[in-house]
């Protein structure tokens, strides 16, 4: 088998138009792919935060239980983008931020 046979495939549930648009990245360098991935993570977090801000108030008589907000690990700025990922039944928080031209990240097991 060669490397071409082992190339990862897009998720099966992606819209076919999105899958087609991913073809432009097939010959890109890993550094470009990582930069695009970092941008998309930031964009997704921004979209989620906008959706939360625009969310309607809960119906009267219902109570929302806010998710417990955890402090970021030492050295992680408050402005960091946070993603929650589950691996093997354990949840992790993945923090990502920029310092100048560098993209930095940290992972913390969710408490």
PDB file of N, CA and C in Angstrom:
ATOM      1  N   UNK A   1       0.823  -1.190   0.000  1.00  0.00           N
ATOM      2  CA  UNK A   1       0.000   0.000   0.000  1.00  0.00           C
ATOM      3  C   UNK A   1       0.862   1.246   0.000  1.00  0.00           C
ATOM      4  N   UNK A   2       0.461   2.246  -0.747  1.00  0.00           N
ATOM      5  CA  UNK A   2       1.199   3.499  -0.725  1.00  0.00           C
ATOM      6  C   UNK A   2       0.450   4.527   0.115  1.00  0.00           C
ATOM      7  N   UNK A   3       1.070   5.691   0.316  1.00  0.00           N
ATOM      8  CA  UNK A   3       0.467   6.739   1.143  1.00  0.00           C
ATOM      9  C   UNK A   3      -0.879   7.197   0.596  1.00  0.00           C
ATOM     10  N   UNK A   4      -1.024   7.193  -0.714  1.00  0.00           N
ATOM     11  CA  UNK A   4      -2.271   7.622  -1.342  1.00  0.00           C
ATOM     12  C   UNK A   4      -3.436   6.748  -0.889  1.00  0.00           C
ATOM     13  N   UNK A   5      -3.190   5.439  -0.693  1.00  0.00           N
ATOM     14  CA  UNK A   5      -4.239   4.508  -0.277  1.00  0.00           C
ATOM     15  C   UNK A   5      -4.659   4.743   1.167  1.00  0.00           C
ATOM     16  N   UNK A   6      -3.811   5.361   1.970  1.00  0.00           N
ATOM     17  CA  UNK A   6      -4.104   5.552   3.381  1.00  0.00           C
ATOM     18  C   UNK A   6      -4.564   6.972   3.705  1.00  0.00           C
ATOM     19  N   UNK A   7      -4.757   7.801   2.701  1.00  0.00           N
ATOM     20  CA  UNK A   7      -5.186   9.186   2.914  1.00  0.00           C
ATOM     21  C   UNK A   7      -6.531   9.187   3.641  1.00  0.00           C
ATOM     22  N   UNK A   8      -6.661   9.992   4.700  1.00  0.00           N
ATOM     23  CA  UNK A   8      -7.939  10.041   5.419  1.00  0.00           C
ATOM     24  C   UNK A   8      -9.056  10.570   4.522  1.00  0.00           C
ATOM     25  N   UNK A   9     -10.253  10.090   4.773  1.00  0.00           N
ATOM     26  CA  UNK A   9     -11.420  10.507   4.008  1.00  0.00           C
ATOM     27  C   UNK A   9     -12.267  11.458   4.844  1.00  0.00           C
ATOM     28  N   UNK A  10     -12.981  12.372   4.188  1.00  0.00           N
ATOM     29  CA  UNK A  10     -13.885  13.253   4.940  1.00  0.00           C
ATOM     30  C   UNK A  10     -14.984  12.423   5.606  1.00  0.00           C
ATOM     31  N   UNK A  11     -15.573  12.931   6.678  1.00  0.00           N
ATOM     32  CA  UNK A  11     -16.668  12.208   7.329  1.00  0.00           C
ATOM     33  C   UNK A  11     -17.801  11.934   6.335  1.00  0.00           C
ATOM     34  N   UNK A  12     -18.402  10.782   6.448  1.00  0.00           N
ATOM     35  CA  UNK A  12     -19.443  10.363   5.504  1.00  0.00           C
ATOM     36  C   UNK A  12     -20.679  11.249   5.567  1.00  0.00           C
ATOM     37  N   UNK A  13     -20.921  11.899   6.702  1.00  0.00           N
ATOM     38  CA  UNK A  13     -22.136  12.701   6.840  1.00  0.00           C
ATOM     39  C   UNK A  13     -21.967  14.156   6.379  1.00  0.00           C
ATOM     40  N   UNK A  14     -20.813  14.500   5.809  1.00  0.00           N
ATOM     41  CA  UNK A  14     -20.613  15.858   5.291  1.00  0.00           C
ATOM     42  C   UNK A  14     -21.429  16.063   4.023  1.00  0.00           C
ATOM     43  N   UNK A  15     -21.921  17.270   3.857  1.00  0.00           N
ATOM     44  CA  UNK A  15     -22.642  17.649   2.652  1.00  0.00           C
ATOM     45  C   UNK A  15     -21.718  17.420   1.448  1.00  0.00           C
ATOM     46  N   UNK A  16     -22.221  16.825   0.374  1.00  0.00           N
ATOM     47  CA  UNK A  16     -21.384  16.556  -0.806  1.00  0.00           C
ATOM     48  C   UNK A  16     -20.720  17.814  -1.374  1.00  0.00           C
ATOM     49  N   UNK A  17     -21.384  18.970  -1.285  1.00  0.00           N
ATOM     50  CA  UNK A  17     -20.771  20.212  -1.772  1.00  0.00           C
ATOM     51  C   UNK A  17     -19.555  20.585  -0.929  1.00  0.00           C
ATOM     52  N   UNK A  18     -19.625  20.335   0.379  1.00  0.00           N
ATOM     53  CA  UNK A  18     -18.493  20.619   1.263  1.00  0.00           C
ATOM     54  C   UNK A  18     -17.344  19.673   0.926  1.00  0.00           C
ATOM     55  N   UNK A  19     -17.657  18.399   0.738  1.00  0.00           N
ATOM     56  CA  UNK A  19     -16.625  17.414   0.382  1.00  0.00           C
ATOM     57  C   UNK A  19     -15.939  17.829  -0.913  1.00  0.00           C
ATOM     58  N   UNK A  20     -16.721  18.258  -1.877  1.00  0.00           N
ATOM     59  CA  UNK A  20     -16.156  18.691  -3.163  1.00  0.00           C
ATOM     60  C   UNK A  20     -15.234  19.895  -2.970  1.00  0.00           C
ATOM     61  N   UNK A  21     -15.621  20.821  -2.091  1.00  0.00           N
ATOM     62  CA  UNK A  21     -14.788  22.011  -1.883  1.00  0.00           C
ATOM     63  C   UNK A  21     -13.475  21.669  -1.176  1.00  0.00           C
ATOM     64  N   UNK A  22     -13.418  20.557  -0.466  1.00  0.00           N
ATOM     65  CA  UNK A  22     -12.181  20.151   0.201  1.00  0.00           C
ATOM     66  C   UNK A  22     -11.094  19.724  -0.786  1.00  0.00           C
ATOM     67  N   UNK A  23     -11.479  19.444  -2.009  1.00  0.00           N
ATOM     68  CA  UNK A  23     -10.513  19.001  -3.026  1.00  0.00           C
ATOM     69  C   UNK A  23      -9.418  20.043  -3.257  1.00  0.00           C
ATOM     70  N   UNK A  24      -9.695  21.322  -3.013  1.00  0.00           N
ATOM     71  CA  UNK A  24      -8.676  22.355  -3.239  1.00  0.00           C
ATOM     72  C   UNK A  24      -7.486  22.190  -2.293  1.00  0.00           C
ATOM     73  N   UNK A  25      -7.646  21.432  -1.210  1.00  0.00           N
ATOM     74  CA  UNK A  25      -6.571  21.265  -0.236  1.00  0.00           C
ATOM     75  C   UNK A  25      -5.739  19.995  -0.459  1.00  0.00           C
ATOM     76  N   UNK A  26      -6.053  19.202  -1.462  1.00  0.00           N
ATOM     77  CA  UNK A  26      -5.391  17.917  -1.653  1.00  0.00           C
ATOM     78  C   UNK A  26      -3.878  18.002  -1.815  1.00  0.00           C
ATOM     79  N   UNK A  27      -3.368  19.052  -2.423  1.00  0.00           N
ATOM     80  CA  UNK A  27      -1.932  19.152  -2.667  1.00  0.00           C
ATOM     81  C   UNK A  27      -1.242  20.183  -1.773  1.00  0.00           C
ATOM     82  N   UNK A  28      -1.908  20.610  -0.703  1.00  0.00           N
ATOM     83  CA  UNK A  28      -1.348  21.627   0.184  1.00  0.00           C
ATOM     84  C   UNK A  28      -0.353  21.006   1.169  1.00  0.00           C
ATOM     85  N   UNK A  29       0.565  21.838   1.622  1.00  0.00           N
ATOM     86  CA  UNK A  29       1.558  21.430   2.613  1.00  0.00           C
ATOM     87  C   UNK A  29       0.879  21.240   3.975  1.00  0.00           C
ATOM     88  N   UNK A  30       1.430  20.386   4.831  1.00  0.00           N
ATOM     89  CA  UNK A  30       0.853  20.195   6.169  1.00  0.00           C
ATOM     90  C   UNK A  30       0.702  21.496   6.953  1.00  0.00           C
ATOM     91  N   UNK A  31       1.650  22.412   6.820  1.00  0.00           N
ATOM     92  CA  UNK A  31       1.553  23.674   7.562  1.00  0.00           C
ATOM     93  C   UNK A  31       0.325  24.477   7.116  1.00  0.00           C
ATOM     94  N   UNK A  32       0.021  24.462   5.836  1.00  0.00           N
ATOM     95  CA  UNK A  32      -1.162  25.157   5.333  1.00  0.00           C
ATOM     96  C   UNK A  32      -2.421  24.480   5.846  1.00  0.00           C
ATOM     97  N   UNK A  33      -2.437  23.153   5.816  1.00  0.00           N
ATOM     98  CA  UNK A  33      -3.606  22.416   6.313  1.00  0.00           C
ATOM     99  C   UNK A  33      -3.843  22.709   7.797  1.00  0.00           C
ATOM    100  N   UNK A  34      -2.759  22.774   8.586  1.00  0.00           N
ATOM    101  CA  UNK A  34      -2.901  23.074  10.015  1.00  0.00           C
ATOM    102  C   UNK A  34      -3.412  24.501  10.231  1.00  0.00           C
ATOM    103  N   UNK A  35      -2.940  25.440   9.435  1.00  0.00           N
ATOM    104  CA  UNK A  35      -3.408  26.826   9.550  1.00  0.00           C
ATOM    105  C   UNK A  35      -4.894  26.926   9.211  1.00  0.00           C
ATOM    106  N   UNK A  36      -5.318  26.224   8.170  1.00  0.00           N
ATOM    107  CA  UNK A  36      -6.734  26.218   7.801  1.00  0.00           C
ATOM    108  C   UNK A  36      -7.554  25.559   8.912  1.00  0.00           C
ATOM    109  N   UNK A  37      -7.053  24.456   9.463  1.00  0.00           N
ATOM    110  CA  UNK A  37      -7.756  23.772  10.548  1.00  0.00           C
ATOM    111  C   UNK A  37      -7.893  24.676  11.776  1.00  0.00           C
ATOM    112  N   UNK A  38      -6.834  25.417  12.095  1.00  0.00           N
ATOM    113  CA  UNK A  38      -6.880  26.339  13.241  1.00  0.00           C
ATOM    114  C   UNK A  38      -7.911  27.431  12.990  1.00  0.00           C
ATOM    115  N   UNK A  39      -7.937  27.960  11.778  1.00  0.00           N
ATOM    116  CA  UNK A  39      -8.931  28.974  11.430  1.00  0.00           C
ATOM    117  C   UNK A  39     -10.343  28.402  11.579  1.00  0.00           C
ATOM    118  N   UNK A  40     -10.562  27.201  11.072  1.00  0.00           N
ATOM    119  CA  UNK A  40     -11.895  26.604  11.133  1.00  0.00           C
ATOM    120  C   UNK A  40     -12.324  26.339  12.576  1.00  0.00           C
ATOM    121  N   UNK A  41     -11.387  25.952  13.450  1.00  0.00           N
ATOM    122  CA  UNK A  41     -11.702  25.783  14.876  1.00  0.00           C
ATOM    123  C   UNK A  41     -12.134  27.115  15.477  1.00  0.00           C
ATOM    124  N   UNK A  42     -11.377  28.176  15.175  1.00  0.00           N
ATOM    125  CA  UNK A  42     -11.729  29.505  15.680  1.00  0.00           C
ATOM    126  C   UNK A  42     -13.079  29.944  15.138  1.00  0.00           C
ATOM    127  N   UNK A  43     -13.323  29.694  13.869  1.00  0.00           N
ATOM    128  CA  UNK A  43     -14.591  30.074  13.236  1.00  0.00           C
ATOM    129  C   UNK A  43     -15.756  29.316  13.866  1.00  0.00           C
ATOM    130  N   UNK A  44     -15.573  28.027  14.122  1.00  0.00           N
ATOM    131  CA  UNK A  44     -16.630  27.235  14.744  1.00  0.00           C
ATOM    132  C   UNK A  44     -16.945  27.761  16.150  1.00  0.00           C
ATOM    133  N   UNK A  45     -15.918  28.083  16.913  1.00  0.00           N
ATOM    134  CA  UNK A  45     -16.126  28.624  18.260  1.00  0.00           C
ATOM    135  C   UNK A  45     -16.860  29.958  18.187  1.00  0.00           C
ATOM    136  N   UNK A  46     -16.497  30.793  17.219  1.00  0.00           N
ATOM    137  CA  UNK A  46     -17.158  32.079  17.045  1.00  0.00           C
ATOM    138  C   UNK A  46     -18.626  31.884  16.692  1.00  0.00           C
ATOM    139  N   UNK A  47     -18.901  30.955  15.764  1.00  0.00           N
ATOM    140  CA  UNK A  47     -20.289  30.667  15.372  1.00  0.00           C
ATOM    141  C   UNK A  47     -21.087  30.155  16.567  1.00  0.00           C
ATOM    142  N   UNK A  48     -20.480  29.275  17.371  1.00  0.00           N
ATOM    143  CA  UNK A  48     -21.169  28.768  18.557  1.00  0.00           C
ATOM    144  C   UNK A  48     -21.468  29.885  19.546  1.00  0.00           C
ATOM    145  N   UNK A  49     -20.503  30.788  19.748  1.00  0.00           N
ATOM    146  CA  UNK A  49     -20.721  31.877  20.700  1.00  0.00           C
ATOM    147  C   UNK A  49     -21.817  32.815  20.197  1.00  0.00           C
ATOM    148  N   UNK A  50     -21.858  33.065  18.899  1.00  0.00           N
ATOM    149  CA  UNK A  50     -22.943  33.893  18.334  1.00  0.00           C
ATOM    150  C   UNK A  50     -24.283  33.222  18.540  1.00  0.00           C
ATOM    151  N   UNK A  51     -24.350  31.910  18.322  1.00  0.00           N
ATOM    152  CA  UNK A  51     -25.608  31.188  18.486  1.00  0.00           C
ATOM    153  C   UNK A  51     -26.074  31.252  19.941  1.00  0.00           C
ATOM    154  N   UNK A  52     -25.141  31.154  20.886  1.00  0.00           N
ATOM    155  CA  UNK A  52     -25.507  31.245  22.295  1.00  0.00           C
ATOM    156  C   UNK A  52     -26.042  32.634  22.628  1.00  0.00           C
ATOM    157  N   UNK A  53     -25.423  33.673  22.080  1.00  0.00           N
ATOM    158  CA  UNK A  53     -25.874  35.038  22.327  1.00  0.00           C
ATOM    159  C   UNK A  53     -27.260  35.287  21.754  1.00  0.00           C
ATOM    160  N   UNK A  54     -27.542  34.677  20.620  1.00  0.00           N
ATOM    161  CA  UNK A  54     -28.820  34.902  19.949  1.00  0.00           C
ATOM    162  C   UNK A  54     -29.918  33.958  20.440  1.00  0.00           C
ATOM    163  N   UNK A  55     -29.550  33.006  21.280  1.00  0.00           N
ATOM    164  CA  UNK A  55     -30.513  32.022  21.762  1.00  0.00           C
ATOM    165  C   UNK A  55     -31.638  32.721  22.512  1.00  0.00           C
ATOM    166  N   UNK A  56     -32.826  32.257  22.297  1.00  0.00           N
ATOM    167  CA  UNK A  56     -33.977  32.842  22.970  1.00  0.00           C
ATOM    168  C   UNK A  56     -33.981  32.458  24.440  1.00  0.00           C
ATOM    169  N   UNK A  57     -34.685  33.246  25.226  1.00  0.00           N
ATOM    170  CA  UNK A  57     -34.836  32.950  26.646  1.00  0.00           C
ATOM    171  C   UNK A  57     -35.650  31.669  26.787  1.00  0.00           C
ATOM    172  N   UNK A  58     -35.371  30.869  27.828  1.00  0.00           N
ATOM    173  CA  UNK A  58     -36.163  29.656  28.030  1.00  0.00           C
ATOM    174  C   UNK A  58     -37.607  30.015  28.385  1.00  0.00           C
ATOM    175  N   UNK A  59     -38.545  29.127  28.075  1.00  0.00           N
ATOM    176  CA  UNK A  59     -39.933  29.403  28.402  1.00  0.00           C
ATOM    177  C   UNK A  59     -40.092  29.661  29.906  1.00  0.00           C
ATOM    178  N   UNK A  60     -41.074  30.480  30.247  1.00  0.00           N
ATOM    179  CA  UNK A  60     -41.300  30.816  31.643  1.00  0.00           C
ATOM    180  C   UNK A  60     -41.569  29.558  32.461  1.00  0.00           C
ATOM    181  N   UNK A  61     -40.998  29.496  33.638  1.00  0.00           N
ATOM    182  CA  UNK A  61     -41.197  28.343  34.508  1.00  0.00           C
ATOM    183  C   UNK A  61     -40.155  27.259  34.321  1.00  0.00           C
ATOM    184  N   UNK A  62     -39.264  27.418  33.344  1.00  0.00           N
ATOM    185  CA  UNK A  62     -38.194  26.439  33.175  1.00  0.00           C
ATOM    186  C   UNK A  62     -36.902  27.058  33.659  1.00  0.00           C
ATOM    187  N   UNK A  63     -36.039  26.218  34.090  1.00  0.00           N
ATOM    188  CA  UNK A  63     -34.765  26.686  34.617  1.00  0.00           C
ATOM    189  C   UNK A  63     -33.628  26.103  33.800  1.00  0.00           C
ATOM    190  N   UNK A  64     -32.692  26.935  33.423  1.00  0.00           N
ATOM    191  CA  UNK A  64     -31.506  26.446  32.736  1.00  0.00           C
ATOM    192  C   UNK A  64     -30.413  26.228  33.756  1.00  0.00           C
ATOM    193  N   UNK A  65     -29.724  25.109  33.633  1.00  0.00           N
ATOM    194  CA  UNK A  65     -28.580  24.857  34.495  1.00  0.00           C
ATOM    195  C   UNK A  65     -27.338  25.180  33.691  1.00  0.00           C
ATOM    196  N   UNK A  66     -26.667  26.275  34.028  1.00  0.00           N
ATOM    197  CA  UNK A  66     -25.477  26.609  33.245  1.00  0.00           C
ATOM    198  C   UNK A  66     -24.382  25.572  33.450  1.00  0.00           C
ATOM    199  N   UNK A  67     -23.667  25.293  32.370  1.00  0.00           N
ATOM    200  CA  UNK A  67     -22.546  24.365  32.448  1.00  0.00           C
ATOM    201  C   UNK A  67     -21.464  24.980  33.337  1.00  0.00           C
ATOM    202  N   UNK A  68     -20.901  24.167  34.180  1.00  0.00           N
ATOM    203  CA  UNK A  68     -19.855  24.668  35.057  1.00  0.00           C
ATOM    204  C   UNK A  68     -18.663  25.109  34.211  1.00  0.00           C
ATOM    205  N   UNK A  69     -18.240  26.337  34.415  1.00  0.00           N
ATOM    206  CA  UNK A  69     -17.115  26.872  33.651  1.00  0.00           C
ATOM    207  C   UNK A  69     -15.837  26.569  34.410  1.00  0.00           C
ATOM    208  N   UNK A  70     -14.931  25.907  33.727  1.00  0.00           N
ATOM    209  CA  UNK A  70     -13.664  25.548  34.351  1.00  0.00           C
ATOM    210  C   UNK A  70     -12.610  26.592  34.009  1.00  0.00           C
ATOM    211  N   UNK A  71     -11.715  26.794  34.943  1.00  0.00           N
ATOM    212  CA  UNK A  71     -10.598  27.696  34.708  1.00  0.00           C
ATOM    213  C   UNK A  71      -9.645  27.062  33.704  1.00  0.00           C
ATOM    214  N   UNK A  72      -9.105  27.864  32.794  1.00  0.00           N
ATOM    215  CA  UNK A  72      -8.118  27.295  31.863  1.00  0.00           C
ATOM    216  C   UNK A  72      -6.836  26.941  32.617  1.00  0.00           C
ATOM    217  N   UNK A  73      -6.049  26.035  32.072  1.00  0.00           N
ATOM    218  CA  UNK A  73      -4.772  25.683  32.707  1.00  0.00           C
ATOM    219  C   UNK A  73      -3.853  26.899  32.781  1.00  0.00           C
ATOM    220  N   UNK A  74      -2.874  26.823  33.649  1.00  0.00           N
ATOM    221  CA  UNK A  74      -1.897  27.904  33.787  1.00  0.00           C
ATOM    222  C   UNK A  74      -1.240  28.179  32.437  1.00  0.00           C
ATOM    223  N   UNK A  75      -1.095  29.440  32.114  1.00  0.00           N
ATOM    224  CA  UNK A  75      -0.435  29.825  30.868  1.00  0.00           C
ATOM    225  C   UNK A  75      -1.368  29.938  29.678  1.00  0.00           C
ATOM    226  N   UNK A  76      -2.651  29.562  29.856  1.00  0.00           N
ATOM    227  CA  UNK A  76      -3.613  29.654  28.758  1.00  0.00           C
ATOM    228  C   UNK A  76      -4.402  30.952  28.928  1.00  0.00           C
ATOM    229  N   UNK A  77      -4.388  31.835  27.912  1.00  0.00           N
ATOM    230  CA  UNK A  77      -5.098  33.105  28.047  1.00  0.00           C
ATOM    231  C   UNK A  77      -6.617  32.912  28.028  1.00  0.00           C
ATOM    232  N   UNK A  78      -7.332  33.855  28.636  1.00  0.00           N
ATOM    233  CA  UNK A  78      -8.799  33.801  28.700  1.00  0.00           C
ATOM    234  C   UNK A  78      -9.415  33.802  27.290  1.00  0.00           C
ATOM    235  N   UNK A  79      -8.742  34.417  26.318  1.00  0.00           N
ATOM    236  CA  UNK A  79      -9.291  34.538  24.969  1.00  0.00           C
ATOM    237  C   UNK A  79      -9.165  33.249  24.150  1.00  0.00           C
ATOM    238  N   UNK A  80      -8.556  32.216  24.714  1.00  0.00           N
ATOM    239  CA  UNK A  80      -8.335  30.966  23.973  1.00  0.00           C
ATOM    240  C   UNK A  80      -9.667  30.353  23.542  1.00  0.00           C
ATOM    241  N   UNK A  81      -9.651  29.753  22.369  1.00  0.00           N
ATOM    242  CA  UNK A  81     -10.797  28.997  21.884  1.00  0.00           C
ATOM    243  C   UNK A  81     -10.794  27.654  22.601  1.00  0.00           C
ATOM    244  N   UNK A  82     -11.983  27.191  23.034  1.00  0.00           N
ATOM    245  CA  UNK A  82     -12.080  25.939  23.781  1.00  0.00           C
ATOM    246  C   UNK A  82     -12.977  24.976  23.023  1.00  0.00           C
ATOM    247  N   UNK A  83     -12.489  23.770  22.808  1.00  0.00           N
ATOM    248  CA  UNK A  83     -13.277  22.696  22.217  1.00  0.00           C
ATOM    249  C   UNK A  83     -13.315  21.556  23.225  1.00  0.00           C
ATOM    250  N   UNK A  84     -14.457  20.883  23.317  1.00  0.00           N
ATOM    251  CA  UNK A  84     -14.574  19.732  24.200  1.00  0.00           C
ATOM    252  C   UNK A  84     -14.619  18.489  23.322  1.00  0.00           C
ATOM    253  N   UNK A  85     -13.749  17.533  23.622  1.00  0.00           N
ATOM    254  CA  UNK A  85     -13.654  16.299  22.859  1.00  0.00           C
ATOM    255  C   UNK A  85     -13.749  15.116  23.812  1.00  0.00           C
ATOM    256  N   UNK A  86     -14.430  14.068  23.383  1.00  0.00           N
ATOM    257  CA  UNK A  86     -14.512  12.855  24.190  1.00  0.00           C
ATOM    258  C   UNK A  86     -13.667  11.777  23.534  1.00  0.00           C
ATOM    259  N   UNK A  87     -12.760  11.201  24.323  1.00  0.00           N
ATOM    260  CA  UNK A  87     -11.898  10.126  23.839  1.00  0.00           C
ATOM    261  C   UNK A  87     -11.996   8.996  24.841  1.00  0.00           C
ATOM    262  N   UNK A  88     -12.449   7.853  24.392  1.00  0.00           N
ATOM    263  CA  UNK A  88     -12.550   6.688  25.268  1.00  0.00           C
ATOM    264  C   UNK A  88     -13.420   6.925  26.491  1.00  0.00           C
ATOM    265  N   UNK A  89     -14.488   7.703  26.339  1.00  0.00           N
ATOM    266  CA  UNK A  89     -15.395   7.959  27.444  1.00  0.00           C
ATOM    267  C   UNK A  89     -14.939   9.065  28.391  1.00  0.00           C
ATOM    268  N   UNK A  90     -13.783   9.657  28.140  1.00  0.00           N
ATOM    269  CA  UNK A  90     -13.273  10.748  28.972  1.00  0.00           C
ATOM    270  C   UNK A  90     -13.302  12.032  28.163  1.00  0.00           C
ATOM    271  N   UNK A  91     -13.826  13.110  28.773  1.00  0.00           N
ATOM    272  CA  UNK A  91     -13.889  14.387  28.077  1.00  0.00           C
ATOM    273  C   UNK A  91     -12.640  15.210  28.351  1.00  0.00           C
ATOM    274  N   UNK A  92     -12.176  15.889  27.307  1.00  0.00           N
ATOM    275  CA  UNK A  92     -11.010  16.758  27.395  1.00  0.00           C
ATOM    276  C   UNK A  92     -11.378  18.124  26.836  1.00  0.00           C
ATOM    277  N   UNK A  93     -10.778  19.156  27.410  1.00  0.00           N
ATOM    278  CA  UNK A  93     -10.904  20.507  26.868  1.00  0.00           C
ATOM    279  C   UNK A  93      -9.623  20.796  26.100  1.00  0.00           C
ATOM    280  N   UNK A  94      -9.781  21.239  24.854  1.00  0.00           N
ATOM    281  CA  UNK A  94      -8.657  21.568  23.992  1.00  0.00           C
ATOM    282  C   UNK A  94      -8.674  23.079  23.813  1.00  0.00           C
ATOM    283  N   UNK A  95      -7.634  23.744  24.290  1.00  0.00           N
ATOM    284  CA  UNK A  95      -7.507  25.197  24.210  1.00  0.00           C
ATOM    285  C   UNK A  95      -6.559  25.550  23.071  1.00  0.00           C
ATOM    286  N   UNK A  96      -6.911  26.589  22.310  1.00  0.00           N
ATOM    287  CA  UNK A  96      -6.056  27.013  21.213  1.00  0.00           C
ATOM    288  C   UNK A  96      -6.092  28.541  21.128  1.00  0.00           C
ATOM    289  N   UNK A  97      -4.908  29.146  20.934  1.00  0.00           N
ATOM    290  CA  UNK A  97      -4.808  30.598  20.851  1.00  0.00           C
ATOM    291  C   UNK A  97      -3.593  30.984  20.027  1.00  0.00           C
ATOM    292  N   UNK A  98      -3.522  32.239  19.677  1.00  0.00           N
ATOM    293  CA  UNK A  98      -2.396  32.763  18.899  1.00  0.00           C
ATOM    294  C   UNK A  98      -1.520  33.628  19.775  1.00  0.00           C
ATOM    295  N   UNK A  99      -0.226  33.509  19.550  1.00  0.00           N
ATOM    296  CA  UNK A  99       0.761  34.418  20.134  1.00  0.00           C
ATOM    297  C   UNK A  99       1.638  34.860  18.979  1.00  0.00           C
ATOM    298  N   UNK A 100       1.348  36.046  18.474  1.00  0.00           N
ATOM    299  CA  UNK A 100       2.054  36.518  17.282  1.00  0.00           C
ATOM    300  C   UNK A 100       1.695  35.651  16.092  1.00  0.00           C
ATOM    301  N   UNK A 101       2.712  35.096  15.438  1.00  0.00           N
ATOM    302  CA  UNK A 101       2.474  34.222  14.289  1.00  0.00           C
ATOM    303  C   UNK A 101       2.318  32.764  14.688  1.00  0.00           C
ATOM    304  N   UNK A 102       2.489  32.464  15.971  1.00  0.00           N
ATOM    305  CA  UNK A 102       2.416  31.077  16.441  1.00  0.00           C
ATOM    306  C   UNK A 102       1.019  30.719  16.921  1.00  0.00           C
ATOM    307  N   UNK A 103       0.598  29.487  16.647  1.00  0.00           N
ATOM    308  CA  UNK A 103      -0.636  28.944  17.189  1.00  0.00           C
ATOM    309  C   UNK A 103      -0.229  28.016  18.314  1.00  0.00           C
ATOM    310  N   UNK A 104      -0.751  28.269  19.503  1.00  0.00           N
ATOM    311  CA  UNK A 104      -0.406  27.464  20.670  1.00  0.00           C
ATOM    312  C   UNK A 104      -1.641  26.704  21.117  1.00  0.00           C
ATOM    313  N   UNK A 105      -1.415  25.603  21.836  1.00  0.00           N
ATOM    314  CA  UNK A 105      -2.546  24.822  22.318  1.00  0.00           C
ATOM    315  C   UNK A 105      -2.186  24.130  23.621  1.00  0.00           C
ATOM    316  N   UNK A 106      -3.235  23.731  24.341  1.00  0.00           N
ATOM    317  CA  UNK A 106      -3.086  22.969  25.575  1.00  0.00           C
ATOM    318  C   UNK A 106      -4.322  22.094  25.719  1.00  0.00           C
ATOM    319  N   UNK A 107      -4.159  20.944  26.344  1.00  0.00           N
ATOM    320  CA  UNK A 107      -5.265  20.036  26.575  1.00  0.00           C
ATOM    321  C   UNK A 107      -5.378  19.756  28.060  1.00  0.00           C
ATOM    322  N   UNK A 108      -6.615  19.692  28.555  1.00  0.00           N
ATOM    323  CA  UNK A 108      -6.855  19.428  29.981  1.00  0.00           C
ATOM    324  C   UNK A 108      -8.001  18.443  30.098  1.00  0.00           C
ATOM    325  N   UNK A 109      -7.841  17.435  30.924  1.00  0.00           N
ATOM    326  CA  UNK A 109      -8.901  16.477  31.186  1.00  0.00           C
ATOM    327  C   UNK A 109     -10.033  17.222  31.861  1.00  0.00           C
ATOM    328  N   UNK A 110     -11.252  17.027  31.382  1.00  0.00           N
ATOM    329  CA  UNK A 110     -12.401  17.740  31.916  1.00  0.00           C
ATOM    330  C   UNK A 110     -12.771  17.171  33.269  1.00  0.00           C
ATOM    331  N   UNK A 111     -12.941  18.049  34.231  1.00  0.00           N
ATOM    332  CA  UNK A 111     -13.245  17.631  35.600  1.00  0.00           C
ATOM    333  C   UNK A 111     -14.722  17.406  35.801  1.00  0.00           C
TER     334      UNK A 111
END
